[in-house]
PDB file of N, CA and C in Angstrom:
ATOM      1  N   MET A   1     -37.187  -3.345 115.050  1.00  0.00           N
ATOM      2  CA  MET A   1     -37.050  -4.283 115.927  1.00  0.00           C
ATOM      3  C   MET A   1     -35.676  -3.696 116.034  1.00  0.00           C
ATOM      4  N   VAL A   2     -34.807  -3.627 117.254  1.00  0.00           N
ATOM      5  CA  VAL A   2     -33.758  -2.787 117.362  1.00  0.00           C
ATOM      6  C   VAL A   2     -32.380  -3.564 117.572  1.00  0.00           C
ATOM      7  N   SER A   3     -31.447  -2.786 116.953  1.00  0.00           N
ATOM      8  CA  SER A   3     -29.927  -3.712 117.020  1.00  0.00           C
ATOM      9  C   SER A   3     -29.812  -3.363 118.486  1.00  0.00           C
ATOM     10  N   GLN A   4     -28.171  -4.390 118.011  1.00  0.00           N
ATOM     11  CA  GLN A   4     -27.725  -4.880 119.037  1.00  0.00           C
ATOM     12  C   GLN A   4     -27.123  -3.265 119.906  1.00  0.00           C
ATOM     13  N   ILE A   5     -26.624  -2.564 119.043  1.00  0.00           N
ATOM     14  CA  ILE A   5     -26.168  -1.620 119.059  1.00  0.00           C
ATOM     15  C   ILE A   5     -27.237  -0.039 119.862  1.00  0.00           C
ATOM     16  N   GLY A   6     -28.422  -0.401 119.158  1.00  0.00           N
ATOM     17  CA  GLY A   6     -29.382   0.034 119.449  1.00  0.00           C
ATOM     18  C   GLY A   6     -29.744  -0.115 121.415  1.00  0.00           C
ATOM     19  N   LYS A   7     -29.873  -1.477 121.322  1.00  0.00           N
ATOM     20  CA  LYS A   7     -29.784  -2.016 123.074  1.00  0.00           C
ATOM     21  C   LYS A   7     -28.792  -1.441 123.908  1.00  0.00           C
ATOM     22  N   LEU A   8     -27.601  -1.325 123.521  1.00  0.00           N
ATOM     23  CA  LEU A   8     -26.641  -1.229 124.594  1.00  0.00           C
ATOM     24  C   LEU A   8     -26.495   0.364 124.411  1.00  0.00           C
ATOM     25  N   GLN A   9     -27.222   1.287 123.053  1.00  0.00           N
ATOM     26  CA  GLN A   9     -27.179   2.829 123.713  1.00  0.00           C
ATOM     27  C   GLN A   9     -28.090   2.824 124.924  1.00  0.00           C
ATOM     28  N   GLU A  10     -29.506   2.079 124.725  1.00  0.00           N
ATOM     29  CA  GLU A  10     -30.614   2.024 125.514  1.00  0.00           C
ATOM     30  C   GLU A  10     -30.300   2.218 127.004  1.00  0.00           C
ATOM     31  N   LYS A  11     -29.806   0.799 127.055  1.00  0.00           N
ATOM     32  CA  LYS A  11     -28.734   0.694 128.472  1.00  0.00           C
ATOM     33  C   LYS A  11     -28.381   1.614 128.985  1.00  0.00           C
ATOM     34  N   PHE A  12     -27.279   2.161 128.042  1.00  0.00           N
ATOM     35  CA  PHE A  12     -26.575   3.531 128.849  1.00  0.00           C
ATOM     36  C   PHE A  12     -27.283   4.957 129.160  1.00  0.00           C
ATOM     37  N   PHE A  13     -28.249   4.716 128.718  1.00  0.00           N
ATOM     38  CA  PHE A  13     -29.608   6.337 129.013  1.00  0.00           C
ATOM     39  C   PHE A  13     -30.402   6.258 129.758  1.00  0.00           C
ATOM     40  N   LYS A  14     -30.346   4.441 130.612  1.00  0.00           N
ATOM     41  CA  LYS A  14     -31.476   3.949 132.019  1.00  0.00           C
ATOM     42  C   LYS A  14     -31.038   4.913 132.522  1.00  0.00           C
ATOM     43  N   THR A  15     -31.894   5.051 133.497  1.00  0.00           N
ATOM     44  CA  THR A  15     -31.699   6.103 134.774  1.00  0.00           C
ATOM     45  C   THR A  15     -32.347   4.992 135.787  1.00  0.00           C
ATOM     46  N   PRO A  16     -31.869   4.511 137.255  1.00  0.00           N
ATOM     47  CA  PRO A  16     -30.458   4.879 137.421  1.00  0.00           C
ATOM     48  C   PRO A  16     -29.759   4.395 136.830  1.00  0.00           C
ATOM     49  N   ILE A  17     -28.118   4.366 136.297  1.00  0.00           N
ATOM     50  CA  ILE A  17     -27.146   3.924 135.752  1.00  0.00           C
ATOM     51  C   ILE A  17     -27.365   2.187 136.105  1.00  0.00           C
ATOM     52  N   PRO A  18     -27.169   1.363 135.281  1.00  0.00           N
ATOM     53  CA  PRO A  18     -27.216  -0.055 135.287  1.00  0.00           C
ATOM     54  C   PRO A  18     -26.083  -0.005 135.637  1.00  0.00           C
ATOM     55  N   THR A  19     -25.854  -1.323 136.922  1.00  0.00           N
ATOM     56  CA  THR A  19     -24.766  -2.126 137.287  1.00  0.00           C
ATOM     57  C   THR A  19     -24.052  -2.754 136.491  1.00  0.00           C
ATOM     58  N   ASP A  20     -24.719  -2.991 135.254  1.00  0.00           N
ATOM     59  CA  ASP A  20     -24.476  -4.831 134.319  1.00  0.00           C
ATOM     60  C   ASP A  20     -23.366  -4.075 133.185  1.00  0.00           C
ATOM     61  N   ILE A  21     -22.972  -2.834 133.265  1.00  0.00           N
ATOM     62  CA  ILE A  21     -22.421  -2.966 131.478  1.00  0.00           C
ATOM     63  C   ILE A  21     -21.117  -3.352 131.847  1.00  0.00           C
ATOM     64  N   THR A  22     -20.345  -3.909 131.100  1.00  0.00           N
ATOM     65  CA  THR A  22     -19.339  -4.715 131.053  1.00  0.00           C
ATOM     66  C   THR A  22     -18.339  -3.962 129.753  1.00  0.00           C
ATOM     67  N   ILE A  23     -17.342  -4.674 130.355  1.00  0.00           N
ATOM     68  CA  ILE A  23     -15.941  -4.038 128.816  1.00  0.00           C
ATOM     69  C   ILE A  23     -16.203  -4.368 127.432  1.00  0.00           C
ATOM     70  N   ALA A  24     -16.921  -5.093 127.665  1.00  0.00           N
ATOM     71  CA  ALA A  24     -16.986  -6.060 125.976  1.00  0.00           C
ATOM     72  C   ALA A  24     -18.690  -5.002 125.043  1.00  0.00           C
ATOM     73  N   ASP A  25     -19.727  -5.301 126.130  1.00  0.00           N
ATOM     74  CA  ASP A  25     -20.217  -3.663 125.862  1.00  0.00           C
ATOM     75  C   ASP A  25     -20.064  -2.383 125.739  1.00  0.00           C
ATOM     76  N   ILE A  26     -19.085  -1.856 125.954  1.00  0.00           N
ATOM     77  CA  ILE A  26     -18.045  -0.637 125.748  1.00  0.00           C
ATOM     78  C   ILE A  26     -17.355  -0.602 124.620  1.00  0.00           C
ATOM     79  N   ARG A  27     -16.716  -1.869 124.362  1.00  0.00           N
ATOM     80  CA  ARG A  27     -15.931  -1.944 123.495  1.00  0.00           C
ATOM     81  C   ARG A  27     -16.757  -1.873 122.007  1.00  0.00           C
ATOM     82  N   ARG A  28     -17.781  -3.095 121.973  1.00  0.00           N
ATOM     83  CA  ARG A  28     -18.743  -2.738 120.684  1.00  0.00           C
ATOM     84  C   ARG A  28     -19.432  -1.651 120.467  1.00  0.00           C
ATOM     85  N   LEU A  29     -19.683  -0.909 121.538  1.00  0.00           N
ATOM     86  CA  LEU A  29     -20.637   0.529 121.337  1.00  0.00           C
ATOM     87  C   LEU A  29     -19.900   1.443 120.596  1.00  0.00           C
ATOM     88  N   PHE A  30     -18.503   1.687 121.478  1.00  0.00           N
ATOM     89  CA  PHE A  30     -17.636   2.914 121.452  1.00  0.00           C
ATOM     90  C   PHE A  30     -17.060   2.578 119.993  1.00  0.00           C
ATOM     91  N   THR A  31     -16.636   1.553 119.226  1.00  0.00           N
ATOM     92  CA  THR A  31     -15.616   0.871 118.261  1.00  0.00           C
ATOM     93  C   THR A  31     -17.096   1.124 117.012  1.00  0.00           C
ATOM     94  N   HIS A  32     -18.102   1.051 117.132  1.00  0.00           N
ATOM     95  CA  HIS A  32     -19.114   1.133 116.294  1.00  0.00           C
ATOM     96  C   HIS A  32     -18.871   2.611 115.932  1.00  0.00           C
ATOM     97  N   TYR A  33     -18.874   3.554 117.237  1.00  0.00           N
ATOM     98  CA  TYR A  33     -19.200   4.715 116.791  1.00  0.00           C
ATOM     99  C   TYR A  33     -17.500   5.467 116.648  1.00  0.00           C
ATOM    100  N   GLY A  34     -16.492   4.736 115.913  1.00  0.00           N
ATOM    101  CA  GLY A  34     -15.351   5.234 115.765  1.00  0.00           C
ATOM    102  C   GLY A  34     -14.665   5.590 116.823  1.00  0.00           C
ATOM    103  N   CYS A  35     -14.620   4.684 118.032  1.00  0.00           N
ATOM    104  CA  CYS A  35     -13.760   5.447 119.000  1.00  0.00           C
ATOM    105  C   CYS A  35     -12.614   4.128 119.110  1.00  0.00           C
ATOM    106  N   ILE A  36     -11.075   4.627 119.696  1.00  0.00           N
ATOM    107  CA  ILE A  36     -10.289   3.389 119.885  1.00  0.00           C
ATOM    108  C   ILE A  36     -10.515   3.154 121.325  1.00  0.00           C
ATOM    109  N   PHE A  37     -10.334   1.919 120.973  1.00  0.00           N
ATOM    110  CA  PHE A  37     -10.553   1.021 122.188  1.00  0.00           C
ATOM    111  C   PHE A  37      -9.018   0.258 122.432  1.00  0.00           C
ATOM    112  N   CYS A  38      -8.617   0.632 123.793  1.00  0.00           N
ATOM    113  CA  CYS A  38      -7.178   0.658 123.876  1.00  0.00           C
ATOM    114  C   CYS A  38      -7.057  -0.740 125.050  1.00  0.00           C
ATOM    115  N   GLU A  39      -6.409  -1.668 124.876  1.00  0.00           N
ATOM    116  CA  GLU A  39      -6.177  -2.256 125.752  1.00  0.00           C
ATOM    117  C   GLU A  39      -4.952  -2.350 126.785  1.00  0.00           C
ATOM    118  N   LYS A  40      -4.348  -2.144 127.415  1.00  0.00           N
ATOM    119  CA  LYS A  40      -2.923  -1.682 127.922  1.00  0.00           C
ATOM    120  C   LYS A  40      -2.614  -2.137 130.097  1.00  0.00           C
ATOM    121  N   GLY A  41      -1.645  -2.613 129.774  1.00  0.00           N
ATOM    122  CA  GLY A  41      -2.066  -3.138 131.263  1.00  0.00           C
ATOM    123  C   GLY A  41      -1.645  -1.957 132.449  1.00  0.00           C
ATOM    124  N   GLY A  42      -1.859  -1.980 133.592  1.00  0.00           N
ATOM    125  CA  GLY A  42      -1.828  -1.013 134.520  1.00  0.00           C
ATOM    126  C   GLY A  42      -3.034  -0.774 135.249  1.00  0.00           C
ATOM    127  N   SER A  43      -2.837   0.218 136.043  1.00  0.00           N
ATOM    128  CA  SER A  43      -4.251   0.284 137.032  1.00  0.00           C
ATOM    129  C   SER A  43      -5.358   0.548 136.037  1.00  0.00           C
ATOM    130  N   HIS A  44      -5.522   1.163 134.890  1.00  0.00           N
ATOM    131  CA  HIS A  44      -6.633   1.496 133.932  1.00  0.00           C
ATOM    132  C   HIS A  44      -6.144   0.816 132.720  1.00  0.00           C
ATOM    133  N   PRO A  45      -6.524  -0.245 132.405  1.00  0.00           N
ATOM    134  CA  PRO A  45      -5.977  -1.558 131.715  1.00  0.00           C
ATOM    135  C   PRO A  45      -6.925  -0.628 130.122  1.00  0.00           C
ATOM    136  N   TYR A  46      -8.171  -0.006 130.533  1.00  0.00           N
ATOM    137  CA  TYR A  46      -8.768   0.262 128.900  1.00  0.00           C
ATOM    138  C   TYR A  46      -8.314   1.467 128.568  1.00  0.00           C
ATOM    139  N   LYS A  47      -8.937   1.704 127.773  1.00  0.00           N
ATOM    140  CA  LYS A  47      -8.915   3.115 127.545  1.00  0.00           C
ATOM    141  C   LYS A  47      -9.856   3.991 126.120  1.00  0.00           C
ATOM    142  N   VAL A  48     -10.899   4.396 126.613  1.00  0.00           N
ATOM    143  CA  VAL A  48     -11.484   4.588 124.818  1.00  0.00           C
ATOM    144  C   VAL A  48     -11.406   6.147 124.584  1.00  0.00           C
ATOM    145  N   ILE A  49     -11.114   6.628 123.483  1.00  0.00           N
ATOM    146  CA  ILE A  49     -10.691   7.495 122.751  1.00  0.00           C
ATOM    147  C   ILE A  49     -11.327   7.965 121.568  1.00  0.00           C
ATOM    148  N   HIS A  50     -11.578   9.193 121.801  1.00  0.00           N
ATOM    149  CA  HIS A  50     -12.177   9.466 120.765  1.00  0.00           C
ATOM    150  C   HIS A  50     -11.394  10.886 120.474  1.00  0.00           C
ATOM    151  N   LYS A  51     -10.960  10.385 119.142  1.00  0.00           N
ATOM    152  CA  LYS A  51      -9.456  11.364 118.446  1.00  0.00           C
ATOM    153  C   LYS A  51     -10.696  12.859 117.825  1.00  0.00           C
ATOM    154  N   GLU A  52     -11.655  13.028 117.383  1.00  0.00           N
ATOM    155  CA  GLU A  52     -12.523  14.054 117.332  1.00  0.00           C
ATOM    156  C   GLU A  52     -12.449  15.190 118.317  1.00  0.00           C
ATOM    157  N   SER A  53     -12.689  14.875 119.515  1.00  0.00           N
ATOM    158  CA  SER A  53     -13.072  15.357 120.806  1.00  0.00           C
ATOM    159  C   SER A  53     -11.608  15.617 121.694  1.00  0.00           C
ATOM    160  N   GLY A  54     -11.028  14.349 120.877  1.00  0.00           N
ATOM    161  CA  GLY A  54      -9.485  14.816 121.480  1.00  0.00           C
ATOM    162  C   GLY A  54      -9.843  14.435 123.368  1.00  0.00           C
ATOM    163  N   THR A  55     -11.186  13.391 123.437  1.00  0.00           N
ATOM    164  CA  THR A  55     -11.337  12.727 124.836  1.00  0.00           C
ATOM    165  C   THR A  55     -10.688  11.831 124.754  1.00  0.00           C
ATOM    166  N   VAL A  56     -10.118  11.233 126.296  1.00  0.00           N
ATOM    167  CA  VAL A  56      -9.900   9.831 126.848  1.00  0.00           C
ATOM    168  C   VAL A  56     -10.013   9.799 127.876  1.00  0.00           C
ATOM    169  N   ILE A  57     -10.844   8.304 127.770  1.00  0.00           N
ATOM    170  CA  ILE A  57     -11.283   8.303 129.166  1.00  0.00           C
ATOM    171  C   ILE A  57     -11.252   7.120 129.933  1.00  0.00           C
ATOM    172  N   PRO A  58     -10.081   6.782 130.779  1.00  0.00           N
ATOM    173  CA  PRO A  58      -9.182   5.553 130.945  1.00  0.00           C
ATOM    174  C   PRO A  58     -10.270   4.647 132.060  1.00  0.00           C
ATOM    175  N   ILE A  59     -10.194   3.175 132.107  1.00  0.00           N
ATOM    176  CA  ILE A  59     -11.635   2.733 132.348  1.00  0.00           C
ATOM    177  C   ILE A  59     -10.686   1.599 133.051  1.00  0.00           C
ATOM    178  N   PRO A  60     -10.593   1.825 134.474  1.00  0.00           N
ATOM    179  CA  PRO A  60     -10.213   0.466 134.970  1.00  0.00           C
ATOM    180  C   PRO A  60     -11.014  -0.512 135.719  1.00  0.00           C
ATOM    181  N   VAL A  61     -11.074  -1.643 135.770  1.00  0.00           N
ATOM    182  CA  VAL A  61     -12.135  -2.829 135.678  1.00  0.00           C
ATOM    183  C   VAL A  61     -11.551  -3.317 137.504  1.00  0.00           C
ATOM    184  N   HIS A  62     -12.516  -3.832 137.878  1.00  0.00           N
ATOM    185  CA  HIS A  62     -12.871  -4.363 139.205  1.00  0.00           C
ATOM    186  C   HIS A  62     -13.891  -5.123 139.144  1.00  0.00           C
ATOM    187  N   GLY A  63     -13.734  -6.472 138.523  1.00  0.00           N
ATOM    188  CA  GLY A  63     -14.357  -7.605 138.989  1.00  0.00           C
ATOM    189  C   GLY A  63     -15.335  -7.347 137.391  1.00  0.00           C
ATOM    190  N   LYS A  64     -16.743  -7.555 136.802  1.00  0.00           N
ATOM    191  CA  LYS A  64     -16.972  -8.035 135.425  1.00  0.00           C
ATOM    192  C   LYS A  64     -17.509  -6.890 134.958  1.00  0.00           C
ATOM    193  N   HIS A  65     -17.560  -5.997 135.675  1.00  0.00           N
ATOM    194  CA  HIS A  65     -18.573  -4.405 135.654  1.00  0.00           C
ATOM    195  C   HIS A  65     -17.921  -3.815 135.981  1.00  0.00           C
ATOM    196  N   ILE A  66     -18.184  -2.218 134.862  1.00  0.00           N
ATOM    197  CA  ILE A  66     -17.227  -0.766 134.998  1.00  0.00           C
ATOM    198  C   ILE A  66     -18.756   0.143 136.388  1.00  0.00           C
ATOM    199  N   GLN A  67     -17.596   0.581 137.204  1.00  0.00           N
ATOM    200  CA  GLN A  67     -17.996   1.376 138.118  1.00  0.00           C
ATOM    201  C   GLN A  67     -18.739   2.539 137.154  1.00  0.00           C
ATOM    202  N   ASP A  68     -20.097   3.158 138.193  1.00  0.00           N
ATOM    203  CA  ASP A  68     -20.577   4.108 137.665  1.00  0.00           C
ATOM    204  C   ASP A  68     -19.993   5.595 136.957  1.00  0.00           C
ATOM    205  N   VAL A  69     -19.265   5.413 137.998  1.00  0.00           N
ATOM    206  CA  VAL A  69     -18.356   7.032 137.434  1.00  0.00           C
ATOM    207  C   VAL A  69     -18.225   6.931 136.096  1.00  0.00           C
ATOM    208  N   TYR A  70     -17.724   5.591 135.764  1.00  0.00           N
ATOM    209  CA  TYR A  70     -17.010   5.416 134.405  1.00  0.00           C
ATOM    210  C   TYR A  70     -18.263   5.585 133.636  1.00  0.00           C
ATOM    211  N   VAL A  71     -18.984   4.919 133.857  1.00  0.00           N
ATOM    212  CA  VAL A  71     -20.006   5.040 132.502  1.00  0.00           C
ATOM    213  C   VAL A  71     -20.922   6.118 132.449  1.00  0.00           C
ATOM    214  N   LYS A  72     -20.643   7.297 133.588  1.00  0.00           N
ATOM    215  CA  LYS A  72     -21.062   8.803 133.842  1.00  0.00           C
ATOM    216  C   LYS A  72     -20.630   9.240 132.575  1.00  0.00           C
ATOM    217  N   GLN A  73     -18.815   9.369 132.469  1.00  0.00           N
ATOM    218  CA  GLN A  73     -18.081   9.830 131.597  1.00  0.00           C
ATOM    219  C   GLN A  73     -18.229   9.403 130.327  1.00  0.00           C
ATOM    220  N   LEU A  74     -18.530   8.134 130.055  1.00  0.00           N
ATOM    221  CA  LEU A  74     -18.541   7.664 128.816  1.00  0.00           C
ATOM    222  C   LEU A  74     -20.024   7.514 128.489  1.00  0.00           C
ATOM    223  N   LYS A  75     -21.088   7.704 129.289  1.00  0.00           N
ATOM    224  CA  LYS A  75     -22.670   8.224 128.331  1.00  0.00           C
ATOM    225  C   LYS A  75     -22.279  10.141 127.835  1.00  0.00           C
ATOM    226  N   GLN A  76     -21.795  10.609 128.794  1.00  0.00           N
ATOM    227  CA  GLN A  76     -21.511  12.215 128.037  1.00  0.00           C
ATOM    228  C   GLN A  76     -20.947  12.085 126.730  1.00  0.00           C
ATOM    229  N   LEU A  77     -19.809  11.111 126.175  1.00  0.00           N
ATOM    230  CA  LEU A  77     -19.290  11.266 125.353  1.00  0.00           C
ATOM    231  C   LEU A  77     -20.040  10.753 124.547  1.00  0.00           C
ATOM    232  N   LEU A  78     -20.920   9.489 125.021  1.00  0.00           N
ATOM    233  CA  LEU A  78     -21.662   9.160 123.727  1.00  0.00           C
ATOM    234  C   LEU A  78     -22.720  10.387 123.387  1.00  0.00           C
ATOM    235  N   GLU A  79     -23.139  11.349 124.509  1.00  0.00           N
ATOM    236  CA  GLU A  79     -23.935  11.618 123.940  1.00  0.00           C
ATOM    237  C   GLU A  79     -23.248  13.042 123.036  1.00  0.00           C
ATOM    238  N   LEU A  80     -21.980  13.077 123.450  1.00  0.00           N
ATOM    239  CA  LEU A  80     -21.444  14.344 122.531  1.00  0.00           C
ATOM    240  C   LEU A  80     -21.593  13.312 121.408  1.00  0.00           C
ATOM    241  N   ILE A  81     -21.220  12.213 120.974  1.00  0.00           N
ATOM    242  CA  ILE A  81     -20.962  11.338 119.752  1.00  0.00           C
ATOM    243  C   ILE A  81     -22.256  11.780 118.856  1.00  0.00           C
ATOM    244  N   LEU A  82     -23.162  11.162 119.477  1.00  0.00           N
ATOM    245  CA  LEU A  82     -24.467  11.399 118.874  1.00  0.00           C
ATOM    246  C   LEU A  82     -25.209  12.709 118.529  1.00  0.00           C
ATOM    247  N   GLU A  83     -24.805  13.315 119.404  1.00  0.00           N
ATOM    248  CA  GLU A  83     -24.990  14.929 118.470  1.00  0.00           C
ATOM    249  C   GLU A  83     -24.502  15.483 117.256  1.00  0.00           C
ATOM    250  N   ASP A  84     -23.135  14.642 117.352  1.00  0.00           N
ATOM    251  CA  ASP A  84     -22.735  15.199 115.429  1.00  0.00           C
ATOM    252  C   ASP A  84     -23.082  14.030 114.582  1.00  0.00           C
ATOM    253  N   ILE A  85     -23.967  12.994 115.180  1.00  0.00           N
ATOM    254  CA  ILE A  85     -24.597  12.529 113.793  1.00  0.00           C
ATOM    255  C   ILE A  85     -25.869  12.860 113.155  1.00  0.00           C
TER     256      ILE A  85
END
């Protein structure tokens, strides 16, 4: 049986990029791997911070789902994190 985190990982690596990834999915997955998830106001109200690599990915939200350009950046960060595990 695949865990919820495993299912979210699979979702990120699907081709083409899924259009139904939500901010809740991102929060759950990246906090599981030790990233900091910040919520602030402004044009990019969310940020994923990976201290080990110094990566900061600002995420604007337009509706419920995340645009594919930001999902691509998050996917690259996830690949980096999984390489180090």
